Each structure stands twice: as C-alpha cells, then as structure tokens.
C-alpha cells in the first residue's frame, strides 16, 4: 500500500462542542500523521468555493451557511491507505447509519452537522488540501 494524504476538517459543530482534542486524539491513535493544521473561520464565499462541487445540490446553501457559522480546523493527514482508512474512522455521513465507535456515530447530531469532513479520493484530497494550505505549510518530517 502507498502512503497517501487526505484532508479533514473538524467542522463548526465539532469546535462548538469542544471536541477538537478528542477527535484529533482519535485521528492520531488511528496512525495518522498531522502534516498541517490550523484554526480558521470560513466566510460564506470561501465555504462556497470549497463546496463548489455541490453547487447544484439542494443542500448547498445550508452547507455553506453551516460551514461559515463558526471556527473550523482543517488538517492534512498522512498514512498508508489514508483515504479509505479515514473514511472508515469517521463513519457514514448520516450518523444514524455510522458504525458504532466511529467519530460520527459518537459525536454527530445529523447529516447536516456531522462533525467532520474527509476527502473521498486521493485526488480530491490534494485539491482540498491546496484550498487551505500552501505547500510551505506542510511539515512532512514531524515524526
């Protein structure tokens, strides 16, 4: 298996609930290295740009409003099989359908406020990471 990078965002509901430390610990305990991380607040425009792929979907406006409603924590993560392993760690988008013990099953309230974002492919992870971080922000040798 190849070492991959993926992007995650601890969403505004995660930050509001005071779960940054708990969720970050679970991510690290699952073997992910954090290569870049910051606390930021998206504007409606920056959220709209990030989620532009969903622009025609009925939930787009609500998603952008939610993502700009408070602080969030984007992170670039790395490990072997990062994308698939991270998707398994966070669980299904709908927390009611997420496997027990996943981040969303344990902490999320709804499909709309589901605590955490995870890239769905290596390619999207690269595109999404570049939305938040310059290559100079990435600290690859942080063993």
Protein backbone atom coordinates (compact mmCIF):
# COMPACT_ATOMS: atom_id res chain seq x y z
CA UNK A 1 0.00 0.00 0.00
CA UNK A 2 1.11 3.52 -0.73
CA UNK A 3 1.39 6.38 1.72
CA UNK A 4 -1.42 8.83 0.95
CA UNK A 5 -2.51 12.24 2.11
CA UNK A 6 -6.06 13.31 2.81
CA UNK A 7 -7.79 16.42 4.09
CA UNK A 8 -10.08 16.58 7.04
CA UNK A 9 -12.00 19.48 8.51
CA UNK A 10 -13.23 19.49 12.08
CA UNK A 11 -16.45 21.34 11.36
CA UNK A 12 -18.01 24.20 13.38
CA UNK A 13 -20.18 21.80 15.42
CA UNK A 14 -17.05 19.90 16.48
CA UNK A 15 -15.37 23.15 17.58
CA UNK A 16 -18.51 24.41 19.37
CA UNK A 17 -18.80 21.15 21.30
CA UNK A 18 -15.18 21.39 22.48
CA UNK A 19 -14.19 18.18 20.70
CA UNK A 20 -11.03 19.30 18.85
CA UNK A 21 -8.73 17.45 21.25
CA UNK A 22 -10.81 14.26 21.45
CA UNK A 23 -11.26 13.95 17.69
CA UNK A 24 -7.62 14.82 16.99
CA UNK A 25 -6.53 12.15 19.51
CA UNK A 26 -8.66 9.54 17.73
CA UNK A 27 -7.11 10.53 14.41
CA UNK A 28 -3.58 10.20 15.78
CA UNK A 29 -4.40 6.98 17.65
CA UNK A 30 -5.52 5.54 14.29
CA UNK A 31 -1.99 6.09 12.96
CA UNK A 32 -2.42 9.32 11.00
CA UNK A 33 0.36 11.91 11.00
CA UNK A 34 -0.82 15.53 11.02
CA UNK A 35 1.21 17.43 8.42
CA UNK A 36 -0.67 20.74 8.59
CA UNK A 37 -3.37 22.12 10.88
CA UNK A 38 -4.99 25.47 11.62
CA UNK A 39 -7.96 27.06 13.32
CA UNK A 40 -9.86 29.27 10.89
CA UNK A 41 -13.29 30.63 10.11
CA UNK A 42 -14.67 30.33 6.61
CA UNK A 43 -16.71 33.08 5.03
CA UNK A 44 -19.79 32.18 3.01
CA UNK A 45 -17.69 32.74 -0.12
CA UNK A 46 -14.78 30.54 0.96
CA UNK A 47 -17.18 27.79 2.07
CA UNK A 48 -18.96 28.13 -1.27
CA UNK A 49 -15.68 27.79 -3.14
CA UNK A 50 -14.65 24.73 -1.20
CA UNK A 51 -18.01 23.02 -1.72
CA UNK A 52 -18.49 24.24 -5.32
CA UNK A 53 -18.77 20.62 -6.47
CA UNK A 54 -22.14 20.53 -4.64
CA UNK A 55 -23.41 23.86 -6.02
CA UNK A 56 -26.38 22.30 -7.84
CA UNK A 57 -27.38 20.12 -4.89
CA UNK A 58 -30.35 21.18 -2.72
CA UNK A 59 -28.26 21.23 0.48
CA UNK A 60 -25.53 23.55 -0.89
CA UNK A 61 -26.80 26.81 0.64
CA UNK A 62 -27.41 25.21 4.02
CA UNK A 63 -23.96 23.57 3.93
CA UNK A 64 -22.21 26.87 3.16
CA UNK A 65 -24.17 28.64 5.90
CA UNK A 66 -23.24 25.95 8.43
CA UNK A 67 -19.56 25.84 7.44
CA UNK A 68 -19.30 29.63 7.84
CA UNK A 69 -21.19 29.65 11.16
CA UNK A 70 -18.08 29.27 13.34
CA UNK A 71 -14.47 28.21 13.53
CA UNK A 72 -13.25 25.00 11.91
CA UNK A 73 -9.96 23.08 11.88
CA UNK A 74 -8.66 21.84 8.53
CA UNK A 75 -5.80 19.32 8.65
CA UNK A 76 -3.69 17.44 6.15
CA UNK A 77 -3.23 13.84 7.27
CA UNK A 78 -0.88 11.13 6.05
CA UNK A 79 -0.56 7.36 6.36
CA UNK A 80 -0.76 4.24 4.23
CA UNK A 81 -4.23 3.89 2.70
CA UNK A 82 -5.17 7.24 4.26
CA UNK A 83 -8.36 7.97 2.32
CA UNK A 84 -10.12 4.64 2.87
CA UNK A 85 -8.88 4.29 6.44
CA UNK A 86 -10.02 7.81 7.31
CA UNK A 87 -13.46 7.29 5.77
CA UNK A 88 -13.80 4.16 7.92
CA UNK A 89 -12.67 6.07 11.03
CA UNK A 90 -15.21 8.86 10.61
CA UNK A 91 -18.18 6.70 9.57
CA UNK A 92 -21.15 7.32 7.31
CA UNK A 93 -22.27 10.89 6.57
CA UNK A 94 -25.54 10.16 8.35
CA UNK A 95 -24.54 9.48 11.97
CA UNK A 96 -27.61 7.26 12.40
CA UNK A 97 -26.08 4.93 9.79
CA UNK A 98 -22.48 5.19 11.02
CA UNK A 99 -20.88 2.16 12.62
CA UNK A 100 -20.60 2.22 16.41
CA UNK A 101 -17.31 3.65 17.56
CA UNK A 102 -16.80 5.90 14.55
CA UNK A 103 -16.37 9.63 15.07
CA UNK A 104 -19.73 10.49 13.54
CA UNK A 105 -21.60 7.76 15.42
CA UNK A 106 -20.14 9.01 18.70
CA UNK A 107 -20.37 12.79 18.24
CA UNK A 108 -22.50 13.93 15.28
CA UNK A 109 -26.09 15.12 15.57
CA UNK A 110 -27.34 14.96 11.98
CA UNK A 111 -26.42 14.61 8.32
CA UNK A 112 -26.03 18.40 8.14
CA UNK A 113 -23.99 18.73 11.32
CA UNK A 114 -21.81 15.66 11.15
CA UNK A 115 -18.66 16.88 12.98
CA UNK A 116 -16.03 16.13 10.34
CA UNK A 117 -15.16 16.21 6.65
CA UNK A 118 -12.96 13.63 4.93
CA UNK A 119 -11.77 13.67 1.33
CA UNK A 120 -13.32 10.96 -0.84
CA UNK A 121 -10.25 10.30 -3.03
CA UNK A 122 -6.52 10.95 -3.11
CA UNK A 123 -7.05 13.40 -5.98
CA UNK A 124 -9.74 15.36 -4.12
CA UNK A 125 -7.58 15.30 -1.00
CA UNK A 126 -4.83 17.09 -2.94
CA UNK A 127 -7.25 19.66 -4.36
CA UNK A 128 -8.91 20.23 -0.99
CA UNK A 129 -5.62 20.49 0.90
CA UNK A 130 -4.43 23.18 -1.54
CA UNK A 131 -7.61 25.15 -0.76
CA UNK A 132 -6.44 25.63 2.83
CA UNK A 133 -2.67 25.19 2.81
CA UNK A 134 0.32 26.25 0.73
CA UNK A 135 2.91 23.52 0.22
CA UNK A 136 5.19 25.53 2.53
CA UNK A 137 2.65 24.99 5.36
CA UNK A 138 3.09 21.22 5.18
CA UNK A 139 5.56 19.79 7.69
CA UNK A 140 6.34 16.33 6.35
CA UNK A 141 9.14 15.48 8.77
CA UNK A 142 7.24 15.93 12.02
CA UNK A 143 7.87 12.39 13.30
